[in-house]
Amino acid sequence: MKQFRLLAATIALACIAQVAGAQSGVAPAKQLFQKYIALGNNFDPSLVDLYSDEALIKNTRRYPGGQKRIIEIPAAKYKELIRSTMPVAKARGDRNRYSSVKYALKGSNVRISATRYSLMKKYSSPIHLLVGADKKGEWQILEEITESIP
């Protein structure tokens, strides 16, 4: 009976340690995502600094007739696009709200999945970010996969 209790206690501690480890593993991702939201909603062009120079940027554009077009944009071009469109977005009040945010460990990286709601266009769409530490240990966006409508 004592062995059973010891085994149960050991398993419980291992589970607690695993959950605590997962929580601490996603902490930098949560901080990065909060910064991403704040910079975006404040139209701060330094948002581009959150992206890795090698980030994969993929958007699926869904059209009313059911057609879809997948667009991949090189990170450098995407950063340039963000910088150039920030003043326009600010003038229009083009902000987003995020809900149903989930964090999942993917090796040493974290997958962030959320629903993004465009306050200007009044629609919701999924957004998925893969974030992780670069060679200097700084957390960056390694991948952004989104959907949009015209």
Protein backbone atom coordinates (compact mmCIF):
# COMPACT_ATOMS: atom_id res chain seq x y z
CA MET A 1 0.00 0.00 0.00
CA LYS A 2 2.87 2.37 0.83
CA GLN A 3 4.42 1.63 -2.56
CA PHE A 4 1.13 2.49 -4.27
CA ARG A 5 0.93 5.82 -2.43
CA LEU A 6 4.54 6.59 -3.27
CA LEU A 7 3.92 5.74 -6.93
CA ALA A 8 0.76 7.88 -7.02
CA ALA A 9 2.58 10.80 -5.39
CA THR A 10 5.47 10.48 -7.85
CA ILE A 11 3.09 10.46 -10.83
CA ALA A 12 1.20 13.47 -9.44
CA LEU A 13 4.43 15.43 -8.98
CA ALA A 14 5.59 14.54 -12.49
CA CYS A 15 2.28 15.77 -13.91
CA ILE A 16 2.49 19.01 -11.93
CA ALA A 17 6.08 19.55 -13.08
CA GLN A 18 5.10 18.92 -16.70
CA VAL A 19 2.22 21.41 -16.51
CA ALA A 20 4.44 23.99 -14.80
CA GLY A 21 7.11 23.47 -17.46
CA ALA A 22 4.57 23.94 -20.22
CA GLN A 23 3.28 27.12 -18.56
CA SER A 24 6.79 28.57 -18.29
CA GLY A 25 7.52 27.49 -21.88
CA VAL A 26 4.64 29.56 -23.21
CA ALA A 27 5.33 32.63 -21.03
CA PRO A 28 7.67 34.28 -23.60
CA ALA A 29 5.11 33.52 -26.33
CA LYS A 30 2.35 35.19 -24.32
CA GLN A 31 4.54 38.26 -23.80
CA LEU A 32 5.37 38.41 -27.51
CA PHE A 33 1.70 38.09 -28.50
CA GLN A 34 0.66 40.85 -26.09
CA LYS A 35 3.34 43.09 -27.60
CA TYR A 36 2.16 42.13 -31.11
CA ILE A 37 -1.40 43.18 -30.23
CA ALA A 38 -0.32 46.44 -28.54
CA LEU A 39 2.00 47.53 -31.35
CA GLY A 40 -0.57 46.66 -34.01
CA ASN A 41 -3.42 48.47 -32.31
CA ASN A 42 -1.19 51.50 -31.70
CA PHE A 43 -0.10 51.49 -35.37
CA ASP A 44 3.53 51.29 -34.30
CA PRO A 45 5.74 50.37 -37.27
CA SER A 46 8.22 48.71 -34.89
CA LEU A 47 5.77 45.78 -35.10
CA VAL A 48 7.97 44.57 -37.95
CA ASP A 49 10.83 43.99 -35.50
CA LEU A 50 8.84 41.12 -33.97
CA TYR A 51 9.21 39.13 -37.20
CA SER A 52 12.20 36.98 -38.04
CA ASP A 53 13.93 37.94 -41.28
CA GLU A 54 13.20 34.38 -42.44
CA ALA A 55 9.56 34.28 -41.28
CA LEU A 56 7.05 32.38 -43.40
CA ILE A 57 4.07 34.63 -44.16
CA LYS A 58 1.05 32.93 -45.71
CA ASN A 59 -2.44 34.35 -46.24
CA THR A 60 -5.46 32.56 -47.67
CA ARG A 61 -7.75 35.11 -49.32
CA ARG A 62 -11.36 33.84 -49.41
CA TYR A 63 -13.67 35.37 -52.01
CA PRO A 64 -17.50 35.56 -51.88
CA GLY A 65 -17.97 33.01 -54.69
CA GLY A 66 -16.04 30.37 -52.76
CA GLN A 67 -12.73 30.83 -54.54
CA LYS A 68 -9.59 31.14 -52.51
CA ARG A 69 -6.09 32.32 -53.25
CA ILE A 70 -3.06 31.48 -51.13
CA ILE A 71 -0.40 34.15 -51.01
CA GLU A 72 3.11 33.69 -49.62
CA ILE A 73 5.04 36.88 -48.97
CA PRO A 74 8.78 37.01 -48.25
CA ALA A 75 9.45 38.40 -44.76
CA ALA A 76 11.39 41.43 -46.04
CA LYS A 77 8.56 42.41 -48.38
CA TYR A 78 5.96 41.85 -45.63
CA LYS A 79 7.88 44.09 -43.24
CA GLU A 80 8.03 46.78 -45.92
CA LEU A 81 4.28 46.38 -46.52
CA ILE A 82 3.50 46.78 -42.81
CA ARG A 83 5.67 49.90 -42.55
CA SER A 84 4.06 51.52 -45.58
CA THR A 85 0.45 50.69 -44.66
CA MET A 86 0.56 51.66 -40.97
CA PRO A 87 -0.34 55.33 -41.65
CA VAL A 88 -3.30 54.26 -43.81
CA ALA A 89 -4.48 51.78 -41.18
CA LYS A 90 -4.19 54.47 -38.51
CA ALA A 91 -6.22 56.96 -40.58
CA ARG A 92 -8.98 54.35 -41.03
CA GLY A 93 -8.92 53.15 -37.42
CA ASP A 94 -8.20 49.63 -38.68
CA ARG A 95 -7.78 47.75 -35.39
CA ASN A 96 -8.21 44.09 -34.48
CA ARG A 97 -9.44 42.23 -31.42
CA TYR A 98 -8.25 38.75 -30.57
CA SER A 99 -10.19 35.98 -28.84
CA SER A 100 -10.00 32.23 -28.23
CA VAL A 101 -6.22 32.51 -27.88
CA LYS A 102 -4.47 29.16 -27.41
CA TYR A 103 -0.80 28.36 -26.88
CA ALA A 104 0.72 24.98 -27.75
CA LEU A 105 4.33 23.90 -27.33
CA LYS A 106 5.89 22.73 -30.61
CA GLY A 107 9.34 21.55 -29.63
CA SER A 108 11.23 24.65 -28.52
CA ASN A 109 8.68 26.91 -30.23
CA VAL A 110 5.08 27.84 -29.42
CA ARG A 111 2.10 27.82 -31.78
CA ILE A 112 -0.35 30.64 -31.02
CA SER A 113 -3.83 30.19 -32.47
CA ALA A 114 -6.55 32.82 -32.16
CA THR A 115 -9.57 34.37 -33.79
CA ARG A 116 -8.91 37.85 -35.11
CA TYR A 117 -11.85 40.25 -35.47
CA SER A 118 -11.45 43.26 -37.77
CA LEU A 119 -13.24 46.21 -36.21
CA MET A 120 -13.21 48.05 -39.54
CA LYS A 121 -14.35 45.23 -41.84
CA LYS A 122 -16.46 43.52 -39.17
CA TYR A 123 -15.42 39.91 -39.76
CA SER A 124 -13.55 37.20 -37.87
CA SER A 125 -10.78 35.01 -39.21
CA PRO A 126 -8.21 32.58 -37.82
CA ILE A 127 -4.62 33.57 -37.20
CA HIS A 128 -1.78 31.19 -36.36
CA LEU A 129 1.67 32.33 -35.30
CA LEU A 130 4.68 30.14 -34.67
CA VAL A 131 7.04 31.94 -32.30
CA GLY A 132 10.39 31.01 -30.87
CA ALA A 133 13.82 32.21 -29.83
CA ASP A 134 16.32 33.31 -32.43
CA LYS A 135 20.08 32.68 -32.18
CA LYS A 136 20.39 35.52 -29.64
CA GLY A 137 17.59 34.10 -27.50
CA GLU A 138 15.11 36.83 -28.47
CA TRP A 139 11.58 35.65 -29.23
CA GLN A 140 10.31 36.39 -32.72
CA ILE A 141 7.50 35.47 -35.07
CA LEU A 142 8.78 32.62 -37.24
CA GLU A 143 5.54 32.00 -39.11
CA GLU A 144 2.23 33.83 -39.63
CA ILE A 145 -0.67 32.01 -41.26
CA THR A 146 -3.86 34.02 -41.71
CA GLU A 147 -7.10 34.18 -43.64
CA SER A 148 -8.76 37.29 -45.02
CA ILE A 149 -11.64 38.45 -47.18
CA PRO A 150 -11.58 41.29 -49.73
